[in-house]
């Protein structure tokens, strides 16, 4: 049984048909990268997996059960950090835990642990305006991890960052997942970068223009951490580019 599954889904916005009979399954333990042209529905599919949107037809499932709303096992991290500017880094991370019934004391203790986990020890009491873009995104990652999900959904999390910061966070994310350092065992990430997809994922799915169909499903059989200069890496790049 697939961990996440979109089964014959249809989604329209007015006259725009985003999906028409799309099916996609995600297995437990996968790091799946979703590629495709802008507007093809990658983010919409991610929001369906997160329980934030529903298909017009078809069904989206988690462990065989229909997803009818947000689930504790699934966390979504957006392209922008979406931090509350009047809250410190620690309180931004702690707030979702408090919303789940955890006391502020316990939530702040957990927040401090996860901020340290993403390299932000010493910045617990900093406000978002006092942090760089990369640091804000680390806070957002700590917030997603602090609720201890099984599945992490990522909507172009590094696209707004400078290349060096993005590369650092990309490598850190792969390490956290690959080395089983958190509760997250499965990752689904939307990206527009073929290089990023091949670097982080063990499976790359390419969607067509809308109404989106799966045009390629490529297993990336390379060890981590990956060497971009290796012939095998270049071979996978060429293979995925051929479907774009």
Protein backbone atom coordinates (compact mmCIF):
# COMPACT_ATOMS: atom_id res chain seq x y z
CA UNK A 1 0.00 0.00 0.00
CA UNK A 2 1.31 3.45 -0.92
CA UNK A 3 1.87 5.95 1.88
CA UNK A 4 0.39 8.87 -0.09
CA UNK A 5 -1.80 8.41 -3.11
CA UNK A 6 -3.67 10.64 -5.53
CA UNK A 7 -6.16 8.43 -7.34
CA UNK A 8 -7.80 9.60 -10.58
CA UNK A 9 -8.10 13.17 -9.32
CA UNK A 10 -9.69 16.05 -11.18
CA UNK A 11 -9.35 19.71 -10.24
CA UNK A 12 -10.59 22.81 -12.02
CA UNK A 13 -10.52 26.51 -11.25
CA UNK A 14 -13.26 28.07 -13.33
CA UNK A 15 -12.53 27.01 -16.90
CA UNK A 16 -8.95 26.02 -16.12
CA UNK A 17 -8.53 22.25 -15.83
CA UNK A 18 -5.48 21.58 -13.65
CA UNK A 19 -5.86 17.81 -13.28
CA UNK A 20 -8.03 15.40 -15.21
CA UNK A 21 -7.67 11.77 -14.10
CA UNK A 22 -4.22 12.19 -12.52
CA UNK A 23 -2.84 9.37 -10.38
CA UNK A 24 0.38 9.36 -8.36
CA UNK A 25 1.60 7.21 -5.46
CA UNK A 26 4.38 7.98 -2.96
CA UNK A 27 5.99 5.14 -1.04
CA UNK A 28 7.20 5.35 2.54
CA UNK A 29 10.86 6.34 2.77
CA UNK A 30 10.97 8.14 -0.57
CA UNK A 31 12.35 11.59 -1.29
CA UNK A 32 10.23 12.48 -4.30
CA UNK A 33 10.82 15.62 -6.37
CA UNK A 34 7.97 17.00 -8.48
CA UNK A 35 9.04 18.79 -11.67
CA UNK A 36 6.94 20.48 -14.32
CA UNK A 37 6.13 23.80 -15.99
CA UNK A 38 4.68 26.68 -14.01
CA UNK A 39 0.95 26.38 -13.53
CA UNK A 40 0.80 22.62 -14.08
CA UNK A 41 -0.53 21.97 -10.57
CA UNK A 42 2.52 20.88 -8.58
CA UNK A 43 1.69 23.10 -5.61
CA UNK A 44 -2.00 22.22 -5.85
CA UNK A 45 -1.12 18.53 -5.58
CA UNK A 46 1.09 19.27 -2.58
CA UNK A 47 -1.76 21.14 -0.86
CA UNK A 48 -4.05 18.17 -1.50
CA UNK A 49 -1.55 15.86 0.18
CA UNK A 50 -1.49 18.34 3.08
CA UNK A 51 -5.28 18.29 3.35
CA UNK A 52 -5.60 21.99 2.49
CA UNK A 53 -7.44 21.40 -0.80
CA UNK A 54 -9.76 18.72 -2.09
CA UNK A 55 -10.06 17.31 -5.59
CA UNK A 56 -13.30 17.86 -7.48
CA UNK A 57 -13.27 14.17 -8.36
CA UNK A 58 -11.13 11.25 -7.28
CA UNK A 59 -9.51 10.79 -3.89
CA UNK A 60 -6.25 11.60 -2.10
CA UNK A 61 -5.21 9.09 0.57
CA UNK A 62 -2.76 8.63 3.44
CA UNK A 63 -2.15 4.99 4.29
CA UNK A 64 -5.26 4.05 2.37
CA UNK A 65 -7.54 6.51 4.18
CA UNK A 66 -9.00 9.56 2.39
CA UNK A 67 -7.39 12.84 3.41
CA UNK A 68 -10.22 15.14 4.47
CA UNK A 69 -8.18 17.83 6.19
CA UNK A 70 -4.77 18.54 7.74
CA UNK A 71 -3.21 15.55 9.51
CA UNK A 72 -0.74 15.43 12.38
CA UNK A 73 1.52 13.09 10.40
CA UNK A 74 1.97 15.52 7.50
CA UNK A 75 3.70 18.92 7.60
CA UNK A 76 3.89 21.48 4.79
CA UNK A 77 6.70 24.02 4.37
CA UNK A 78 6.03 26.89 1.98
CA UNK A 79 8.28 28.78 -0.43
CA UNK A 80 8.35 31.77 1.95
CA UNK A 81 8.92 31.33 5.70
CA UNK A 82 5.45 32.73 6.66
CA UNK A 83 6.71 33.64 10.13
CA UNK A 84 4.74 35.87 12.49
CA UNK A 85 6.81 39.08 12.62
CA UNK A 86 5.77 39.91 16.19
CA UNK A 87 6.90 36.53 17.51
CA UNK A 88 10.47 35.43 18.23
CA UNK A 89 12.04 32.52 16.40
CA UNK A 90 11.37 30.32 19.41
CA UNK A 91 7.71 31.30 19.68
CA UNK A 92 7.18 30.87 15.93
CA UNK A 93 8.36 27.28 16.28
CA UNK A 94 6.49 26.70 19.54
CA UNK A 95 3.12 28.05 18.40
CA UNK A 96 1.95 25.00 16.36
CA UNK A 97 2.79 22.78 19.34
CA UNK A 98 0.72 24.98 21.66
CA UNK A 99 -2.13 24.79 19.14
CA UNK A 100 -1.97 21.00 19.57
CA UNK A 101 -2.35 21.27 23.34
CA UNK A 102 1.29 21.32 24.47
CA UNK A 103 2.08 23.74 27.30
CA UNK A 104 4.09 26.86 26.42
CA UNK A 105 6.95 25.66 28.62
CA UNK A 106 7.21 22.29 26.89
CA UNK A 107 6.65 23.85 23.46
CA UNK A 108 9.45 26.36 23.97
CA UNK A 109 11.79 23.61 25.17
CA UNK A 110 11.02 21.62 22.01
CA UNK A 111 11.42 24.75 19.89
CA UNK A 112 14.86 25.38 21.35
CA UNK A 113 15.90 21.80 20.50
CA UNK A 114 14.79 22.05 16.89
CA UNK A 115 16.27 25.51 16.40
CA UNK A 116 19.58 24.05 17.58
CA UNK A 117 18.99 21.15 15.22
CA UNK A 118 18.89 23.51 12.22
CA UNK A 119 21.88 25.55 13.41
CA UNK A 120 20.14 28.49 15.08
CA UNK A 121 21.34 28.18 18.67
CA UNK A 122 21.69 31.67 20.07
CA UNK A 123 18.95 33.12 17.86
CA UNK A 124 15.96 31.82 19.84
CA UNK A 125 14.86 35.30 20.92
CA UNK A 126 15.50 37.00 17.57
CA UNK A 127 12.56 38.36 15.59
CA UNK A 128 12.16 37.55 11.87
CA UNK A 129 13.24 41.08 10.90
CA UNK A 130 16.56 40.43 12.64
CA UNK A 131 17.23 37.26 10.65
CA UNK A 132 18.48 36.76 7.11
CA UNK A 133 16.29 35.02 4.54
CA UNK A 134 18.18 31.79 4.98
CA UNK A 135 17.86 31.94 8.75
CA UNK A 136 14.13 32.62 8.47
CA UNK A 137 13.78 29.55 6.29
CA UNK A 138 15.68 27.53 8.90
CA UNK A 139 13.12 28.70 11.47
CA UNK A 140 10.36 27.53 9.13
CA UNK A 141 12.08 24.16 8.79
CA UNK A 142 12.45 23.88 12.58
CA UNK A 143 8.74 24.69 12.93
CA UNK A 144 7.82 21.94 10.47
CA UNK A 145 10.06 19.40 12.19
CA UNK A 146 8.98 20.33 15.72
CA UNK A 147 5.49 18.88 15.25
CA UNK A 148 7.30 15.58 14.53
CA UNK A 149 5.60 14.63 11.26
CA UNK A 150 6.20 11.47 9.29
CA UNK A 151 5.86 13.26 5.94
CA UNK A 152 7.38 16.61 5.00
CA UNK A 153 5.92 18.46 2.01
CA UNK A 154 8.10 21.21 0.56
CA UNK A 155 6.90 23.84 -1.91
CA UNK A 156 10.04 25.24 -3.57
CA UNK A 157 11.62 25.91 -0.16
CA UNK A 158 14.94 27.26 -1.47
CA UNK A 159 13.93 29.16 -4.61
CA UNK A 160 13.97 32.61 -2.99
CA UNK A 161 17.40 32.17 -1.37
CA UNK A 162 20.83 33.06 -2.69
CA UNK A 163 22.68 30.09 -4.24
CA UNK A 164 25.13 29.52 -1.38
CA UNK A 165 22.43 29.60 1.31
CA UNK A 166 20.16 27.38 -0.77
CA UNK A 167 22.94 24.86 -1.28
CA UNK A 168 23.68 24.74 2.44
CA UNK A 169 20.03 24.19 3.38
CA UNK A 170 19.56 21.65 0.60
CA UNK A 171 22.45 19.55 1.89
CA UNK A 172 21.20 19.88 5.48
CA UNK A 173 17.71 18.73 4.52
CA UNK A 174 19.04 15.66 2.70
CA UNK A 175 21.21 14.81 5.70
CA UNK A 176 18.28 15.08 8.14
CA UNK A 177 16.16 12.77 5.98
CA UNK A 178 18.80 10.31 4.81
CA UNK A 179 20.40 9.82 8.22
CA UNK A 180 17.01 9.45 9.98
CA UNK A 181 17.78 12.29 12.37
CA UNK A 182 14.11 13.33 12.75
CA UNK A 183 10.70 11.70 12.63
CA UNK A 184 10.43 12.50 8.90
CA UNK A 185 10.85 9.41 6.74
CA UNK A 186 9.18 10.64 3.54
CA UNK A 187 9.64 13.91 1.65
CA UNK A 188 7.77 15.32 -1.35
CA UNK A 189 9.30 18.50 -2.79
CA UNK A 190 8.11 20.77 -5.58
CA UNK A 191 10.96 22.29 -7.58
CA UNK A 192 11.63 23.95 -10.93
CA UNK A 193 15.30 22.93 -10.89
CA UNK A 194 16.36 19.68 -12.54
CA UNK A 195 19.74 19.91 -10.82
CA UNK A 196 18.08 20.27 -7.41
CA UNK A 197 15.74 17.37 -8.10
CA UNK A 198 18.56 15.01 -9.07
CA UNK A 199 20.71 16.20 -6.15
CA UNK A 200 18.14 15.61 -3.39
CA UNK A 201 15.64 13.00 -4.57
CA UNK A 202 15.68 9.27 -5.05
CA UNK A 203 12.68 9.59 -7.35
CA UNK A 204 11.80 12.38 -9.80
CA UNK A 205 8.32 12.72 -11.27
CA UNK A 206 7.82 15.07 -14.23
CA UNK A 207 4.37 16.51 -14.92
CA UNK A 208 3.15 17.87 -18.25
CA UNK A 209 1.38 21.16 -18.90
CA UNK A 210 -2.21 21.24 -17.71
CA UNK A 211 -4.22 19.24 -17.48
CA UNK A 212 -1.19 17.63 -15.85
CA UNK A 213 -0.19 14.06 -16.58
CA UNK A 214 2.83 12.11 -15.38
CA UNK A 215 5.21 12.12 -18.34
CA UNK A 216 8.22 10.59 -16.55
CA UNK A 217 8.96 8.71 -13.34
CA UNK A 218 12.71 8.37 -12.84
CA UNK A 219 14.44 6.50 -10.01
CA UNK A 220 17.72 8.19 -9.04
CA UNK A 221 20.03 5.41 -7.91
CA UNK A 222 22.99 7.44 -6.61
CA UNK A 223 24.62 7.40 -3.17
CA UNK A 224 24.38 10.38 -0.80
CA UNK A 225 25.94 12.91 -0.60
CA UNK A 226 25.87 13.29 -4.36
CA UNK A 227 28.69 14.46 -6.57
CA UNK A 228 27.43 16.78 -9.30
CA UNK A 229 30.61 16.22 -11.33
CA UNK A 230 30.22 12.47 -11.55
CA UNK A 231 29.29 10.94 -14.95
CA UNK A 232 26.31 9.18 -13.37
CA UNK A 233 24.92 12.45 -12.00
CA UNK A 234 25.24 14.04 -15.45
CA UNK A 235 23.55 11.03 -17.01
CA UNK A 236 20.52 11.44 -14.73
CA UNK A 237 20.46 15.17 -15.44
CA UNK A 238 20.35 14.50 -19.17
CA UNK A 239 17.67 11.86 -18.72
CA UNK A 240 15.36 14.13 -16.71
CA UNK A 241 16.01 17.12 -18.99
CA UNK A 242 14.89 15.01 -21.94
CA UNK A 243 11.37 14.94 -20.45
CA UNK A 244 11.14 18.67 -19.67
